[in-house]
Amino acid sequence: GVPEEFVETKGLDDAEATLTIQTSVLGEPFKLPRVLELAKHRIERPHSTINGLLLKGTIVAGSDGLFHWKNGGKG
């Protein structure tokens, strides 16, 4: 089969596009639990997907416990 990482990365790009739209409704910075709420009806495996985006540095944690997109959600 295809290596897990490869599948994840492709899924992450799609998920990122979806979540960028969803979080634009919330505004930035946003709370992660809120994003999970929105994500669970729209993307597969929201916890691991969001975790992947965090590990990739696409979603960045602020010192206040809130999160934002690395480039303001523009890729």
PDB file of N, CA and C in Angstrom:
ATOM      1  N   GLY A   1       0.816  -1.210   0.000  1.00  0.00           N
ATOM      2  CA  GLY A   1       0.000   0.000   0.000  1.00  0.00           C
ATOM      3  C   GLY A   1       0.849   1.258   0.000  1.00  0.00           C
ATOM      4  N   VAL A   2       0.163   2.356   0.102  1.00  0.00           N
ATOM      5  CA  VAL A   2       0.805   3.668   0.130  1.00  0.00           C
ATOM      6  C   VAL A   2       1.246   3.950   1.562  1.00  0.00           C
ATOM      7  N   PRO A   3       2.454   4.490   1.756  1.00  0.00           N
ATOM      8  CA  PRO A   3       2.869   4.804   3.128  1.00  0.00           C
ATOM      9  C   PRO A   3       1.901   5.766   3.814  1.00  0.00           C
ATOM     10  N   GLU A   4       1.686   5.538   5.073  1.00  0.00           N
ATOM     11  CA  GLU A   4       0.747   6.337   5.872  1.00  0.00           C
ATOM     12  C   GLU A   4       1.021   7.832   5.754  1.00  0.00           C
ATOM     13  N   GLU A   5       2.297   8.224   5.810  1.00  0.00           N
ATOM     14  CA  GLU A   5       2.653   9.641   5.770  1.00  0.00           C
ATOM     15  C   GLU A   5       2.165  10.294   4.486  1.00  0.00           C
ATOM     16  N   PHE A   6       2.283   9.541   3.399  1.00  0.00           N
ATOM     17  CA  PHE A   6       1.896  10.094   2.103  1.00  0.00           C
ATOM     18  C   PHE A   6       0.398  10.386   2.072  1.00  0.00           C
ATOM     19  N   VAL A   7      -0.369   9.429   2.525  1.00  0.00           N
ATOM     20  CA  VAL A   7      -1.822   9.591   2.589  1.00  0.00           C
ATOM     21  C   VAL A   7      -2.160  10.791   3.466  1.00  0.00           C
ATOM     22  N   GLU A   8      -1.530  10.848   4.637  1.00  0.00           N
ATOM     23  CA  GLU A   8      -1.763  11.940   5.571  1.00  0.00           C
ATOM     24  C   GLU A   8      -1.503  13.295   4.930  1.00  0.00           C
ATOM     25  N   THR A   9      -0.369  13.421   4.251  1.00  0.00           N
ATOM     26  CA  THR A   9       0.004  14.711   3.692  1.00  0.00           C
ATOM     27  C   THR A   9      -1.000  15.169   2.651  1.00  0.00           C
ATOM     28  N   LYS A  10      -1.441  14.257   1.787  1.00  0.00           N
ATOM     29  CA  LYS A  10      -2.419  14.632   0.789  1.00  0.00           C
ATOM     30  C   LYS A  10      -3.721  15.033   1.486  1.00  0.00           C
ATOM     31  N   GLY A  11      -4.124  14.251   2.464  1.00  0.00           N
ATOM     32  CA  GLY A  11      -5.322  14.560   3.224  1.00  0.00           C
ATOM     33  C   GLY A  11      -5.202  15.893   3.947  1.00  0.00           C
ATOM     34  N   LEU A  12      -4.007  16.196   4.387  1.00  0.00           N
ATOM     35  CA  LEU A  12      -3.787  17.450   5.127  1.00  0.00           C
ATOM     36  C   LEU A  12      -4.034  18.671   4.254  1.00  0.00           C
ATOM     37  N   ASP A  13      -3.604  18.606   3.007  1.00  0.00           N
ATOM     38  CA  ASP A  13      -3.824  19.743   2.118  1.00  0.00           C
ATOM     39  C   ASP A  13      -5.318  20.001   1.919  1.00  0.00           C
ATOM     40  N   ASP A  14      -6.079  18.922   1.695  1.00  0.00           N
ATOM     41  CA  ASP A  14      -7.526  19.049   1.542  1.00  0.00           C
ATOM     42  C   ASP A  14      -8.157  19.567   2.824  1.00  0.00           C
ATOM     43  N   ALA A  15      -7.734  18.985   3.940  1.00  0.00           N
ATOM     44  CA  ALA A  15      -8.288  19.369   5.234  1.00  0.00           C
ATOM     45  C   ALA A  15      -7.953  20.819   5.535  1.00  0.00           C
ATOM     46  N   GLU A  16      -6.731  21.214   5.190  1.00  0.00           N
ATOM     47  CA  GLU A  16      -6.320  22.594   5.439  1.00  0.00           C
ATOM     48  C   GLU A  16      -7.224  23.559   4.685  1.00  0.00           C
ATOM     49  N   ALA A  17      -7.512  23.240   3.431  1.00  0.00           N
ATOM     50  CA  ALA A  17      -8.404  24.083   2.632  1.00  0.00           C
ATOM     51  C   ALA A  17      -9.779  24.179   3.294  1.00  0.00           C
ATOM     52  N   THR A  18     -10.302  23.033   3.709  1.00  0.00           N
ATOM     53  CA  THR A  18     -11.614  22.998   4.352  1.00  0.00           C
ATOM     54  C   THR A  18     -11.616  23.789   5.650  1.00  0.00           C
ATOM     55  N   LEU A  19     -10.607  23.547   6.474  1.00  0.00           N
ATOM     56  CA  LEU A  19     -10.560  24.187   7.788  1.00  0.00           C
ATOM     57  C   LEU A  19     -10.278  25.684   7.697  1.00  0.00           C
ATOM     58  N   THR A  20      -9.541  26.085   6.682  1.00  0.00           N
ATOM     59  CA  THR A  20      -9.284  27.517   6.500  1.00  0.00           C
ATOM     60  C   THR A  20     -10.606  28.243   6.309  1.00  0.00           C
ATOM     61  N   ILE A  21     -11.486  27.645   5.506  1.00  0.00           N
ATOM     62  CA  ILE A  21     -12.811  28.234   5.287  1.00  0.00           C
ATOM     63  C   ILE A  21     -13.599  28.250   6.589  1.00  0.00           C
ATOM     64  N   GLN A  22     -13.569  27.125   7.307  1.00  0.00           N
ATOM     65  CA  GLN A  22     -14.321  27.033   8.559  1.00  0.00           C
ATOM     66  C   GLN A  22     -13.821  28.031   9.594  1.00  0.00           C
ATOM     67  N   THR A  23     -12.508  28.152   9.729  1.00  0.00           N
ATOM     68  CA  THR A  23     -11.968  29.044  10.753  1.00  0.00           C
ATOM     69  C   THR A  23     -12.124  30.509  10.374  1.00  0.00           C
ATOM     70  N   SER A  24     -12.315  30.795   9.092  1.00  0.00           N
ATOM     71  CA  SER A  24     -12.535  32.186   8.709  1.00  0.00           C
ATOM     72  C   SER A  24     -13.835  32.692   9.326  1.00  0.00           C
ATOM     73  N   VAL A  25     -14.764  31.790   9.583  1.00  0.00           N
ATOM     74  CA  VAL A  25     -16.008  32.141  10.274  1.00  0.00           C
ATOM     75  C   VAL A  25     -15.710  32.491  11.738  1.00  0.00           C
ATOM     76  N   LEU A  26     -14.808  31.718  12.346  1.00  0.00           N
ATOM     77  CA  LEU A  26     -14.437  31.953  13.745  1.00  0.00           C
ATOM     78  C   LEU A  26     -13.591  33.205  13.902  1.00  0.00           C
ATOM     79  N   GLY A  27     -12.783  33.476  12.898  1.00  0.00           N
ATOM     80  CA  GLY A  27     -11.791  34.534  13.007  1.00  0.00           C
ATOM     81  C   GLY A  27     -10.551  33.991  13.705  1.00  0.00           C
ATOM     82  N   GLU A  28      -9.479  34.736  13.620  1.00  0.00           N
ATOM     83  CA  GLU A  28      -8.232  34.335  14.270  1.00  0.00           C
ATOM     84  C   GLU A  28      -7.886  35.327  15.368  1.00  0.00           C
ATOM     85  N   PRO A  29      -7.240  34.881  16.427  1.00  0.00           N
ATOM     86  CA  PRO A  29      -6.902  33.487  16.736  1.00  0.00           C
ATOM     87  C   PRO A  29      -8.140  32.700  17.145  1.00  0.00           C
ATOM     88  N   PHE A  30      -8.036  31.377  17.036  1.00  0.00           N
ATOM     89  CA  PHE A  30      -9.169  30.528  17.342  1.00  0.00           C
ATOM     90  C   PHE A  30      -8.816  29.496  18.400  1.00  0.00           C
ATOM     91  N   LYS A  31      -9.853  28.916  18.997  1.00  0.00           N
ATOM     92  CA  LYS A  31      -9.659  27.863  19.989  1.00  0.00           C
ATOM     93  C   LYS A  31      -9.712  26.512  19.281  1.00  0.00           C
ATOM     94  N   LEU A  32      -8.774  25.645  19.602  1.00  0.00           N
ATOM     95  CA  LEU A  32      -8.696  24.346  18.962  1.00  0.00           C
ATOM     96  C   LEU A  32      -9.967  23.503  19.140  1.00  0.00           C
ATOM     97  N   PRO A  33     -10.549  23.446  20.339  1.00  0.00           N
ATOM     98  CA  PRO A  33     -11.779  22.640  20.499  1.00  0.00           C
ATOM     99  C   PRO A  33     -12.893  23.096  19.561  1.00  0.00           C
ATOM    100  N   ARG A  34     -12.933  24.382  19.307  1.00  0.00           N
ATOM    101  CA  ARG A  34     -13.945  24.946  18.409  1.00  0.00           C
ATOM    102  C   ARG A  34     -13.706  24.457  16.978  1.00  0.00           C
ATOM    103  N   VAL A  35     -12.447  24.420  16.585  1.00  0.00           N
ATOM    104  CA  VAL A  35     -12.094  23.943  15.252  1.00  0.00           C
ATOM    105  C   VAL A  35     -12.443  22.465  15.120  1.00  0.00           C
ATOM    106  N   LEU A  36     -12.152  21.682  16.159  1.00  0.00           N
ATOM    107  CA  LEU A  36     -12.507  20.263  16.158  1.00  0.00           C
ATOM    108  C   LEU A  36     -14.003  20.073  15.977  1.00  0.00           C
ATOM    109  N   GLU A  37     -14.787  20.890  16.669  1.00  0.00           N
ATOM    110  CA  GLU A  37     -16.242  20.857  16.554  1.00  0.00           C
ATOM    111  C   GLU A  37     -16.651  20.990  15.092  1.00  0.00           C
ATOM    112  N   LEU A  38     -16.109  22.024  14.436  1.00  0.00           N
ATOM    113  CA  LEU A  38     -16.434  22.278  13.033  1.00  0.00           C
ATOM    114  C   LEU A  38     -15.905  21.168  12.135  1.00  0.00           C
ATOM    115  N   ALA A  39     -14.712  20.678  12.475  1.00  0.00           N
ATOM    116  CA  ALA A  39     -14.028  19.731  11.603  1.00  0.00           C
ATOM    117  C   ALA A  39     -14.693  18.362  11.586  1.00  0.00           C
ATOM    118  N   LYS A  40     -15.266  17.938  12.709  1.00  0.00           N
ATOM    119  CA  LYS A  40     -15.686  16.549  12.780  1.00  0.00           C
ATOM    120  C   LYS A  40     -16.824  16.198  11.826  1.00  0.00           C
ATOM    121  N   HIS A  41     -17.517  17.190  11.310  1.00  0.00           N
ATOM    122  CA  HIS A  41     -18.559  16.909  10.327  1.00  0.00           C
ATOM    123  C   HIS A  41     -18.061  17.080   8.904  1.00  0.00           C
ATOM    124  N   ARG A  42     -16.834  17.560   8.751  1.00  0.00           N
ATOM    125  CA  ARG A  42     -16.369  17.929   7.419  1.00  0.00           C
ATOM    126  C   ARG A  42     -15.109  17.208   6.948  1.00  0.00           C
ATOM    127  N   ILE A  43     -14.298  16.731   7.871  1.00  0.00           N
ATOM    128  CA  ILE A  43     -13.088  16.019   7.459  1.00  0.00           C
ATOM    129  C   ILE A  43     -12.998  14.688   8.185  1.00  0.00           C
ATOM    130  N   GLU A  44     -12.271  13.765   7.575  1.00  0.00           N
ATOM    131  CA  GLU A  44     -12.064  12.470   8.204  1.00  0.00           C
ATOM    132  C   GLU A  44     -11.005  12.587   9.291  1.00  0.00           C
ATOM    133  N   ARG A  45     -11.207  11.830  10.364  1.00  0.00           N
ATOM    134  CA  ARG A  45     -10.242  11.773  11.459  1.00  0.00           C
ATOM    135  C   ARG A  45      -9.761  13.156  11.873  1.00  0.00           C
ATOM    136  N   PRO A  46     -10.680  14.000  12.334  1.00  0.00           N
ATOM    137  CA  PRO A  46     -10.316  15.389  12.639  1.00  0.00           C
ATOM    138  C   PRO A  46      -9.194  15.537  13.659  1.00  0.00           C
ATOM    139  N   HIS A  47      -9.174  14.682  14.698  1.00  0.00           N
ATOM    140  CA  HIS A  47      -8.121  14.825  15.717  1.00  0.00           C
ATOM    141  C   HIS A  47      -6.738  14.635  15.120  1.00  0.00           C
ATOM    142  N   SER A  48      -6.556  13.541  14.388  1.00  0.00           N
ATOM    143  CA  SER A  48      -5.221  13.274  13.842  1.00  0.00           C
ATOM    144  C   SER A  48      -4.886  14.264  12.727  1.00  0.00           C
ATOM    145  N   THR A  49      -5.906  14.715  12.008  1.00  0.00           N
ATOM    146  CA  THR A  49      -5.663  15.682  10.937  1.00  0.00           C
ATOM    147  C   THR A  49      -5.181  17.009  11.510  1.00  0.00           C
ATOM    148  N   ILE A  50      -5.886  17.497  12.526  1.00  0.00           N
ATOM    149  CA  ILE A  50      -5.492  18.761  13.147  1.00  0.00           C
ATOM    150  C   ILE A  50      -4.134  18.612  13.820  1.00  0.00           C
ATOM    151  N   ASN A  51      -3.919  17.460  14.427  1.00  0.00           N
ATOM    152  CA  ASN A  51      -2.611  17.188  15.012  1.00  0.00           C
ATOM    153  C   ASN A  51      -1.524  17.243  13.936  1.00  0.00           C
ATOM    154  N   GLY A  52      -1.815  16.687  12.767  1.00  0.00           N
ATOM    155  CA  GLY A  52      -0.875  16.726  11.650  1.00  0.00           C
ATOM    156  C   GLY A  52      -0.562  18.147  11.223  1.00  0.00           C
ATOM    157  N   LEU A  53      -1.598  18.988  11.192  1.00  0.00           N
ATOM    158  CA  LEU A  53      -1.394  20.391  10.813  1.00  0.00           C
ATOM    159  C   LEU A  53      -0.560  21.125  11.856  1.00  0.00           C
ATOM    160  N   LEU A  54      -0.744  20.747  13.119  1.00  0.00           N
ATOM    161  CA  LEU A  54       0.071  21.336  14.191  1.00  0.00           C
ATOM    162  C   LEU A  54       1.529  20.909  14.048  1.00  0.00           C
ATOM    163  N   LEU A  55       1.733  19.614  13.804  1.00  0.00           N
ATOM    164  CA  LEU A  55       3.095  19.091  13.660  1.00  0.00           C
ATOM    165  C   LEU A  55       3.790  19.699  12.451  1.00  0.00           C
ATOM    166  N   LYS A  56       3.035  19.920  11.397  1.00  0.00           N
ATOM    167  CA  LYS A  56       3.575  20.501  10.176  1.00  0.00           C
ATOM    168  C   LYS A  56       3.886  21.982  10.353  1.00  0.00           C
ATOM    169  N   GLY A  57       3.303  22.584  11.395  1.00  0.00           N
ATOM    170  CA  GLY A  57       3.507  23.999  11.622  1.00  0.00           C
ATOM    171  C   GLY A  57       2.544  24.870  10.841  1.00  0.00           C
ATOM    172  N   THR A  58       1.504  24.232  10.282  1.00  0.00           N
ATOM    173  CA  THR A  58       0.506  24.971   9.521  1.00  0.00           C
ATOM    174  C   THR A  58      -0.409  25.742  10.459  1.00  0.00           C
ATOM    175  N   ILE A  59      -0.786  25.078  11.567  1.00  0.00           N
ATOM    176  CA  ILE A  59      -1.513  25.753  12.635  1.00  0.00           C
ATOM    177  C   ILE A  59      -0.505  26.018  13.744  1.00  0.00           C
ATOM    178  N   VAL A  60      -0.450  27.257  14.188  1.00  0.00           N
ATOM    179  CA  VAL A  60       0.554  27.674  15.162  1.00  0.00           C
ATOM    180  C   VAL A  60      -0.109  28.049  16.481  1.00  0.00           C
ATOM    181  N   ALA A  61       0.471  27.562  17.576  1.00  0.00           N
ATOM    182  CA  ALA A  61      -0.046  27.877  18.903  1.00  0.00           C
ATOM    183  C   ALA A  61       0.500  29.211  19.374  1.00  0.00           C
ATOM    184  N   GLY A  62      -0.385  30.040  19.903  1.00  0.00           N
ATOM    185  CA  GLY A  62       0.049  31.293  20.502  1.00  0.00           C
ATOM    186  C   GLY A  62       0.308  31.087  21.984  1.00  0.00           C
ATOM    187  N   SER A  63       0.967  32.045  22.606  1.00  0.00           N
ATOM    188  CA  SER A  63       1.283  31.926  24.031  1.00  0.00           C
ATOM    189  C   SER A  63       0.037  32.001  24.904  1.00  0.00           C
ATOM    190  N   ASP A  64      -1.048  32.516  24.336  1.00  0.00           N
ATOM    191  CA  ASP A  64      -2.297  32.676  25.081  1.00  0.00           C
ATOM    192  C   ASP A  64      -3.183  31.432  25.021  1.00  0.00           C
ATOM    193  N   GLY A  65      -2.679  30.361  24.403  1.00  0.00           N
ATOM    194  CA  GLY A  65      -3.466  29.138  24.296  1.00  0.00           C
ATOM    195  C   GLY A  65      -4.418  29.147  23.108  1.00  0.00           C
ATOM    196  N   LEU A  66      -4.349  30.195  22.309  1.00  0.00           N
ATOM    197  CA  LEU A  66      -5.135  30.262  21.091  1.00  0.00           C
ATOM    198  C   LEU A  66      -4.245  29.916  19.901  1.00  0.00           C
ATOM    199  N   PHE A  67      -4.870  29.667  18.767  1.00  0.00           N
ATOM    200  CA  PHE A  67      -4.141  29.178  17.603  1.00  0.00           C
ATOM    201  C   PHE A  67      -4.441  30.039  16.388  1.00  0.00           C
ATOM    202  N   HIS A  68      -3.503  30.026  15.440  1.00  0.00           N
ATOM    203  CA  HIS A  68      -3.725  30.734  14.191  1.00  0.00           C
ATOM    204  C   HIS A  68      -3.033  30.004  13.051  1.00  0.00           C
ATOM    205  N   TRP A  69      -3.405  30.342  11.816  1.00  0.00           N
ATOM    206  CA  TRP A  69      -2.751  29.770  10.642  1.00  0.00           C
ATOM    207  C   TRP A  69      -1.413  30.442  10.435  1.00  0.00           C
ATOM    208  N   LYS A  70      -0.439  29.645  10.024  1.00  0.00           N
ATOM    209  CA  LYS A  70       0.917  30.163   9.849  1.00  0.00           C
ATOM    210  C   LYS A  70       0.943  31.378   8.923  1.00  0.00           C
ATOM    211  N   ASN A  71       0.262  31.300   7.784  1.00  0.00           N
ATOM    212  CA  ASN A  71       0.266  32.411   6.838  1.00  0.00           C
ATOM    213  C   ASN A  71      -1.105  33.062   6.767  1.00  0.00           C
ATOM    214  N   GLY A  72      -1.755  33.167   7.883  1.00  0.00           N
ATOM    215  CA  GLY A  72      -3.098  33.738   7.866  1.00  0.00           C
ATOM    216  C   GLY A  72      -4.046  32.872   7.057  1.00  0.00           C
ATOM    217  N   GLY A  73      -3.710  31.577   6.922  1.00  0.00           N
ATOM    218  CA  GLY A  73      -4.567  30.650   6.210  1.00  0.00           C
ATOM    219  C   GLY A  73      -4.435  30.736   4.695  1.00  0.00           C
ATOM    220  N   LYS A  74      -3.364  31.338   4.234  1.00  0.00           N
ATOM    221  CA  LYS A  74      -3.198  31.464   2.781  1.00  0.00           C
ATOM    222  C   LYS A  74      -2.127  30.500   2.270  1.00  0.00           C
ATOM    223  N   GLY A  75      -2.257  29.235   2.595  1.00  0.00           N
ATOM    224  CA  GLY A  75      -1.299  28.257   2.086  1.00  0.00           C
ATOM    225  C   GLY A  75      -0.129  28.136   3.019  1.00  0.00           C
TER     226      GLY A  75
END
